[in-house]
Amino acid sequence: MKRTIQLAGGVEELFGTLDENLKLLESALHVTTDLKDDQLEIEGEAESVDRAARLVDEYNGLIREGRVFSNGEVKLLLRAALAEPDIGLRKAATPSRSRVFGKKQVQAKTPNQRRYMEFIEKFDMVFAIGPGGTGKTYLAVAMAVSGLLTKQFSRIILARPAVEAGERLGFLPGTLQQKVDPYMRPLYDALYDMLDADKLERFLEKGIIEVAPLAFMRGRTLNDSIVILDEAQNTTSEQMKMFLTRLGFNSKAVITGDITQIDLPSERRSGLIEAMDVCGGISDIAFIHFNERDVVRHNLVQQIIKAYESFEGGAPGRSGAGGSSRDHSSRERTPGDRAAGDRTPRDHVSRESDRRGSSK
């Protein structure tokens, strides 16, 4: 079957760099495309051609409405629409609901990101596990800012364990705050992206927004707050238990981490991995697992993550200490999934176990 669709504009963005967007469409739906002037010819099986044509028609509709997309944005929208046929390109490009994010317009770019934002609204505690560049921290900060500006919460508290990423930084000069600021820099960057500098400085001075090392959480009860623990894979078991028990009334907690990038000493088990085991059966806690398809950085980052996963999963002698030997799924887990069967929402734990074993 063959169909021809007149393009309304945005041809360069639709095709992408070196036609990568069209190649994505072709490989996912097993169709071929050919551009003749401003007309796109699609050929393949009838069902696949119809679906591809619907996506291009939706893209045309968005262009006619004055929407402007970059090459990368079109690729992310196509990926989301292809991953979940019920979504479609228009729905993927439209926020599920109106939210206030300060000076920044923030929108989920993948189905997992959309679910992540919905989980933060619905559940009081959310674990987000996945590789860097998937928006785990950025979206959590955006949702926190939205909750603060709409007066759902009176405070935002952002925490990170102060663990060096494989380096030895030695003694840093300056005050305590100046010593820990380099570890907190990614959190400040996200906040400055959402809020005007003057407003953010006022919030920081008044303690409405607090950015602090995880150790500063000990002994506190956090009420009317949204609390984000970033880089949670670098917490110890004791630190993670301490953090999870800080939650007070009318508060939410978001815990983010990448269990393939643990910087703890090899003999210490990650508190994030342990928490995934321990809290897996609690129905009011949501877990979401990101993968390389959710990466919104440079295209090479996705390929690098996939290459490392293949290398770490296939290298010999990667078994043993630090993790768990039981089988686990790589898909996202929700409370409904746990009620139906497997109650342990662990993803890639054996890979971390293997990594630990090989490093000893």
Protein backbone atom coordinates (compact mmCIF):
# COMPACT_ATOMS: atom_id res chain seq x y z
CA MET A 1 0.00 0.00 0.00
CA LYS A 2 1.16 3.52 -0.79
CA ARG A 3 -0.07 6.90 0.51
CA THR A 4 1.05 10.44 -0.23
CA ILE A 5 0.68 13.25 2.34
CA GLN A 6 1.16 16.95 1.71
CA LEU A 7 3.45 18.41 4.38
CA ALA A 8 2.32 21.66 6.01
CA GLY A 9 5.84 22.76 6.92
CA GLY A 10 8.60 21.92 9.36
CA VAL A 11 10.07 19.45 6.86
CA GLU A 12 13.64 19.73 8.13
CA GLU A 13 12.54 19.15 11.72
CA LEU A 14 10.34 16.20 10.71
CA PHE A 15 13.21 14.51 8.91
CA GLY A 16 15.81 15.33 11.57
CA THR A 17 19.58 15.35 11.35
CA LEU A 18 20.67 12.95 8.59
CA ASP A 19 17.01 11.88 8.30
CA GLU A 20 17.19 10.23 11.74
CA ASN A 21 13.53 10.96 12.56
CA LEU A 22 12.25 9.43 9.33
CA LYS A 23 14.56 6.45 9.83
CA LEU A 24 13.04 5.96 13.28
CA LEU A 25 9.54 5.99 11.77
CA GLU A 26 10.56 3.60 9.00
CA SER A 27 12.28 1.07 11.26
CA ALA A 28 9.52 1.08 13.89
CA LEU A 29 6.64 0.65 11.44
CA HIS A 30 8.48 -1.23 8.66
CA VAL A 31 7.59 1.31 5.99
CA THR A 32 9.60 3.26 3.44
CA THR A 33 9.29 6.98 2.79
CA ASP A 34 10.20 9.25 -0.09
CA LEU A 35 9.98 13.05 -0.20
CA LYS A 36 8.89 14.62 -3.49
CA ASP A 37 8.73 18.39 -3.26
CA ASP A 38 6.52 18.95 -0.16
CA GLN A 39 4.81 15.58 -0.41
CA LEU A 40 5.81 12.57 1.65
CA GLU A 41 5.18 9.18 0.09
CA ILE A 42 4.75 6.27 2.53
CA GLU A 43 4.78 2.66 1.37
CA GLY A 44 4.37 -0.63 3.22
CA GLU A 45 1.73 -2.87 4.81
CA ALA A 46 -1.69 -1.20 4.96
CA GLU A 47 -1.87 -1.05 8.78
CA SER A 48 1.64 0.33 9.12
CA VAL A 49 1.10 2.90 6.37
CA ASP A 50 -2.12 4.07 8.02
CA ARG A 51 -0.40 4.49 11.37
CA ALA A 52 2.54 6.36 9.86
CA ALA A 53 0.14 8.59 7.94
CA ARG A 54 -1.77 9.39 11.13
CA LEU A 55 1.43 10.48 12.84
CA VAL A 56 2.40 12.71 9.91
CA ASP A 57 -1.15 14.16 9.78
CA GLU A 58 -0.94 14.96 13.49
CA TYR A 59 2.42 16.62 12.93
CA ASN A 60 0.87 18.69 10.11
CA GLY A 61 -1.94 19.75 12.44
CA LEU A 62 0.52 20.91 15.10
CA ILE A 63 2.52 22.87 12.50
CA ARG A 64 -0.65 24.58 11.20
CA GLU A 65 -1.45 25.64 14.77
CA GLY A 66 1.88 27.47 14.91
CA ARG A 67 3.83 24.93 16.97
CA VAL A 68 7.57 25.02 16.40
CA PHE A 69 9.72 21.98 17.16
CA SER A 70 13.42 21.23 17.05
CA ASN A 71 14.81 18.08 15.42
CA GLY A 72 15.35 16.52 18.83
CA GLU A 73 11.86 17.34 20.05
CA VAL A 74 10.27 15.70 17.01
CA LYS A 75 12.39 12.60 17.62
CA LEU A 76 11.26 12.40 21.25
CA LEU A 77 7.61 12.88 20.27
CA LEU A 78 7.86 10.20 17.59
CA ARG A 79 9.51 7.82 20.01
CA ALA A 80 6.76 8.38 22.58
CA ALA A 81 3.98 7.94 20.02
CA LEU A 82 5.58 4.82 18.54
CA ALA A 83 6.12 3.27 21.97
CA GLU A 84 2.48 3.68 22.95
CA PRO A 85 0.06 3.72 19.98
CA ASP A 86 -2.80 5.07 22.11
CA ILE A 87 -0.90 8.28 22.82
CA GLY A 88 -0.40 9.64 19.32
CA LEU A 89 1.81 12.56 18.37
CA ARG A 90 -0.65 15.27 19.41
CA LYS A 91 -1.18 13.84 22.88
CA ALA A 92 2.56 13.35 23.33
CA ALA A 93 3.05 17.04 22.49
CA THR A 94 0.28 18.21 24.84
CA PRO A 95 0.72 18.35 28.63
CA SER A 96 -1.71 16.02 30.43
CA ARG A 97 -2.74 18.89 32.69
CA SER A 98 -1.87 22.50 33.35
CA ARG A 99 0.98 23.01 35.81
CA VAL A 100 2.88 26.07 37.01
CA PHE A 101 6.65 25.72 36.73
CA GLY A 102 7.76 29.28 37.33
CA LYS A 103 9.52 30.85 34.36
CA LYS A 104 10.07 27.51 32.59
CA GLN A 105 7.68 25.46 30.47
CA VAL A 106 8.32 21.84 31.36
CA GLN A 107 6.77 18.96 29.46
CA ALA A 108 7.25 15.21 29.59
CA LYS A 109 9.11 14.06 26.50
CA THR A 110 8.63 10.28 26.87
CA PRO A 111 5.84 8.03 28.19
CA ASN A 112 7.94 7.19 31.25
CA GLN A 113 8.47 10.87 32.02
CA ARG A 114 4.72 11.46 31.73
CA ARG A 115 4.02 8.61 34.16
CA TYR A 116 6.74 9.86 36.49
CA MET A 117 5.10 13.27 36.81
CA GLU A 118 1.72 11.65 37.36
CA PHE A 119 3.18 9.37 40.04
CA ILE A 120 4.65 12.34 41.91
CA GLU A 121 1.19 13.91 41.99
CA LYS A 122 -0.56 10.71 43.03
CA PHE A 123 1.82 9.03 45.51
CA ASP A 124 3.51 10.36 48.64
CA MET A 125 6.72 8.49 47.88
CA VAL A 126 8.20 7.76 44.44
CA PHE A 127 11.43 5.96 43.53
CA ALA A 128 12.85 6.85 40.10
CA ILE A 129 15.65 4.57 38.93
CA GLY A 130 17.51 4.87 35.65
CA PRO A 131 20.52 6.22 33.78
CA GLY A 132 21.62 9.83 33.66
CA GLY A 133 19.89 12.19 31.25
CA THR A 134 16.41 10.73 31.68
CA GLY A 135 15.03 13.72 33.60
CA LYS A 136 14.75 12.04 37.00
CA THR A 137 16.10 14.99 38.98
CA TYR A 138 15.00 17.80 36.68
CA LEU A 139 11.36 16.71 36.56
CA ALA A 140 11.29 16.10 40.32
CA VAL A 141 12.55 19.66 40.92
CA ALA A 142 10.01 21.00 38.41
CA MET A 143 7.16 19.24 40.21
CA ALA A 144 8.46 20.52 43.54
CA VAL A 145 8.56 24.11 42.26
CA SER A 146 5.04 23.68 40.88
CA GLY A 147 3.81 22.42 44.25
CA LEU A 148 5.48 25.32 46.06
CA LEU A 149 4.11 28.01 43.73
CA THR A 150 0.57 26.56 43.92
CA LYS A 151 0.88 26.36 47.74
CA GLN A 152 0.56 22.57 47.94
CA PHE A 153 3.73 22.64 50.03
CA SER A 154 5.40 25.29 52.14
CA ARG A 155 8.97 24.07 51.58
CA ILE A 156 11.23 22.28 49.12
CA ILE A 157 14.11 20.28 50.53
CA LEU A 158 16.75 18.90 48.16
CA ALA A 159 19.37 16.49 49.46
CA ARG A 160 22.31 14.55 48.10
CA PRO A 161 24.83 12.27 49.74
CA ALA A 162 28.25 13.95 49.59
CA VAL A 163 30.14 11.13 47.90
CA GLU A 164 32.99 11.67 45.45
CA ALA A 165 32.45 10.13 42.00
CA GLY A 166 35.62 8.07 41.89
CA GLU A 167 37.96 10.99 42.61
CA ARG A 168 39.71 12.10 45.78
CA LEU A 169 39.02 15.79 46.20
CA GLY A 170 40.95 16.23 49.42
CA PHE A 171 40.30 19.11 51.81
CA LEU A 172 38.27 21.87 50.20
CA PRO A 173 38.76 25.47 51.38
CA GLY A 174 36.02 27.77 52.66
CA THR A 175 33.00 27.53 54.92
CA LEU A 176 30.95 24.36 55.34
CA GLN A 177 28.43 25.62 52.78
CA GLN A 178 31.21 26.38 50.31
CA LYS A 179 32.62 22.89 50.83
CA VAL A 180 29.35 21.12 50.01
CA ASP A 181 28.11 23.44 47.25
CA PRO A 182 30.01 21.62 44.46
CA TYR A 183 28.07 18.44 45.30
CA MET A 184 24.79 20.35 45.22
CA ARG A 185 25.46 22.27 41.99
CA PRO A 186 23.13 20.17 39.74
CA LEU A 187 20.23 20.88 42.10
CA TYR A 188 20.93 24.62 42.09
CA ASP A 189 21.12 24.56 38.28
CA ALA A 190 17.64 23.04 38.05
CA LEU A 191 16.24 25.60 40.50
CA TYR A 192 17.75 28.54 38.62
CA ASP A 193 16.19 27.13 35.45
CA MET A 194 12.73 27.30 37.06
CA LEU A 195 12.85 30.46 39.16
CA ASP A 196 14.12 34.01 38.74
CA ALA A 197 17.41 34.51 40.54
CA ASP A 198 16.00 37.11 42.97
CA LYS A 199 13.06 34.93 43.94
CA LEU A 200 15.25 31.87 44.39
CA GLU A 201 17.71 33.79 46.57
CA ARG A 202 14.81 34.95 48.78
CA PHE A 203 13.50 31.42 49.06
CA LEU A 204 16.95 30.13 50.00
CA GLU A 205 17.50 32.88 52.58
CA LYS A 206 14.14 32.22 54.25
CA GLY A 207 14.59 28.47 54.24
CA ILE A 208 11.61 27.95 51.94
CA ILE A 209 13.98 26.09 49.63
CA GLU A 210 16.78 24.18 51.26
CA VAL A 211 19.65 22.42 49.50
CA ALA A 212 21.74 20.35 51.87
CA PRO A 213 23.82 17.19 52.21
CA LEU A 214 21.83 14.14 53.29
CA ALA A 215 23.58 14.08 56.68
CA PHE A 216 21.74 17.31 57.62
CA MET A 217 18.41 15.45 57.54
CA ARG A 218 19.11 13.40 60.66
CA GLY A 219 16.76 14.04 63.57
CA ARG A 220 14.29 16.14 61.56
CA THR A 221 10.59 15.67 60.81
CA LEU A 222 9.65 17.26 57.49
CA ASN A 223 6.04 18.48 57.40
CA ASP A 224 4.29 20.34 54.55
CA SER A 225 7.30 19.70 52.35
CA ILE A 226 8.34 17.98 49.18
CA VAL A 227 11.70 16.30 49.73
CA ILE A 228 13.95 15.10 46.91
CA LEU A 229 16.86 12.75 47.51
CA ASP A 230 19.11 12.80 44.46
CA GLU A 231 21.95 10.37 43.66
CA ALA A 232 20.35 7.95 46.11
CA GLN A 233 22.48 5.06 44.84
CA ASN A 234 25.30 6.55 46.91
CA THR A 235 23.45 6.33 50.22
CA THR A 236 24.33 3.64 52.73
CA SER A 237 21.62 1.44 54.21
CA GLU A 238 21.61 3.53 57.38
CA GLN A 239 21.34 6.82 55.49
CA MET A 240 18.47 5.59 53.34
CA LYS A 241 16.48 4.34 56.35
CA MET A 242 17.11 7.65 58.09
CA PHE A 243 15.88 9.61 55.06
CA LEU A 244 12.75 7.53 54.45
CA THR A 245 11.65 7.97 58.05
CA ARG A 246 11.91 11.81 57.95
CA LEU A 247 8.59 12.17 56.09
CA GLY A 248 6.00 14.16 58.05
CA PHE A 249 2.39 15.18 57.50
CA ASN A 250 1.30 16.57 54.11
CA SER A 251 4.68 15.76 52.60
CA LYS A 252 6.02 13.89 49.60
CA ALA A 253 9.38 12.28 48.95
CA VAL A 254 11.03 11.58 45.59
CA ILE A 255 14.10 9.36 45.54
CA THR A 256 16.19 9.27 42.37
CA GLY A 257 19.26 7.28 41.46
CA ASP A 258 21.20 5.23 38.94
CA ILE A 259 22.22 1.85 40.36
CA THR A 260 24.82 1.37 37.62
CA GLN A 261 26.86 4.33 38.93
CA ILE A 262 27.50 3.58 42.60
CA ASP A 263 30.49 5.38 44.15
CA LEU A 264 30.38 3.69 47.56
CA PRO A 265 33.26 1.47 48.69
CA SER A 266 32.87 -2.02 47.24
CA GLU A 267 32.06 -3.58 50.61
CA ARG A 268 29.07 -1.27 51.21
CA ARG A 269 25.69 -2.12 49.73
CA SER A 270 23.75 0.73 48.18
CA GLY A 271 20.89 1.98 50.33
CA LEU A 272 18.83 2.48 47.18
CA ILE A 273 19.09 -1.18 46.18
CA GLU A 274 18.21 -2.24 49.72
CA ALA A 275 15.23 0.14 49.84
CA MET A 276 13.92 -1.30 46.57
CA ASP A 277 13.97 -4.73 48.22
CA VAL A 278 12.58 -3.62 51.57
CA CYS A 279 9.85 -1.25 50.34
CA GLY A 280 8.81 -3.24 47.30
CA GLY A 281 5.69 -4.60 48.96
CA ILE A 282 4.34 -1.25 50.21
CA SER A 283 1.40 -0.41 47.96
CA ASP A 284 1.53 3.36 48.60
CA ILE A 285 5.04 3.67 47.21
CA ALA A 286 5.51 3.92 43.44
CA PHE A 287 8.57 2.81 41.48
CA ILE A 288 9.40 3.84 37.94
CA HIS A 289 12.34 2.58 35.91
CA PHE A 290 13.84 4.64 33.10
CA ASN A 291 16.02 3.26 30.31
CA GLU A 292 18.10 4.54 27.40
CA ARG A 293 14.95 5.36 25.40
CA ASP A 294 14.14 8.06 27.98
CA VAL A 295 17.48 9.85 27.62
CA VAL A 296 16.97 13.45 26.48
CA ARG A 297 20.62 14.43 26.10
CA HIS A 298 22.79 14.06 22.99
CA ASN A 299 21.89 11.10 20.76
CA LEU A 300 25.25 9.51 21.54
CA VAL A 301 24.32 9.23 25.23
CA GLN A 302 21.62 6.66 24.44
CA GLN A 303 24.08 4.58 22.42
CA ILE A 304 26.75 4.82 25.12
CA ILE A 305 24.33 3.68 27.85
CA LYS A 306 23.21 0.75 25.71
CA ALA A 307 26.82 -0.18 24.95
CA TYR A 308 27.75 -0.16 28.64
CA GLU A 309 24.71 -2.28 29.50
CA SER A 310 25.74 -4.84 26.89
CA PHE A 311 29.34 -4.80 28.10
CA GLU A 312 28.45 -5.14 31.79
CA GLY A 313 25.80 -7.76 31.14
CA GLY A 314 27.98 -9.94 28.92
CA ALA A 315 31.42 -9.73 30.53
CA PRO A 316 32.56 -12.96 32.22
CA GLY A 317 33.15 -13.24 35.95
CA ARG A 318 30.50 -10.69 36.90
CA SER A 319 28.62 -12.39 39.68
CA GLY A 320 28.46 -12.51 43.42
CA ALA A 321 28.69 -9.84 46.11
CA GLY A 322 26.72 -6.80 46.98
CA GLY A 323 23.35 -7.47 45.38
CA SER A 324 20.77 -10.16 44.92
CA SER A 325 20.78 -13.39 42.98
CA ARG A 326 17.06 -13.48 42.30
CA ASP A 327 15.65 -12.70 38.87
CA HIS A 328 14.13 -9.29 38.27
CA SER A 329 12.29 -7.51 35.52
CA SER A 330 13.48 -4.40 33.70
CA ARG A 331 10.05 -2.88 33.27
CA GLU A 332 8.38 -0.18 35.32
CA ARG A 333 6.57 -1.42 38.44
CA THR A 334 3.46 0.08 39.97
CA PRO A 335 1.49 -0.83 43.09
CA GLY A 336 -1.03 -2.60 40.84
CA ASP A 337 1.71 -4.81 39.41
CA ARG A 338 2.85 -5.79 42.86
CA ALA A 339 -0.63 -6.77 43.93
CA ALA A 340 -0.92 -9.01 40.89
CA GLY A 341 2.27 -10.95 41.44
CA ASP A 342 5.95 -10.16 41.92
CA ARG A 343 6.27 -7.81 44.89
CA THR A 344 9.90 -6.82 44.48
CA PRO A 345 10.31 -3.83 42.11
CA ARG A 346 13.98 -4.25 41.39
CA ASP A 347 15.55 -3.42 38.06
CA HIS A 348 19.12 -4.21 37.01
CA VAL A 349 20.07 -5.25 40.56
CA SER A 350 21.88 -8.31 39.31
CA ARG A 351 23.93 -6.07 37.06
CA GLU A 352 25.03 -4.05 40.08
CA SER A 353 25.67 -7.29 41.94
CA ASP A 354 27.82 -8.45 39.04
CA ARG A 355 29.71 -5.16 38.96
CA ARG A 356 30.46 -5.41 42.66
CA GLY A 357 31.65 -8.98 42.28
CA SER A 358 34.08 -8.14 39.54
CA SER A 359 35.54 -5.13 41.37
CA LYS A 360 36.65 -7.11 44.40
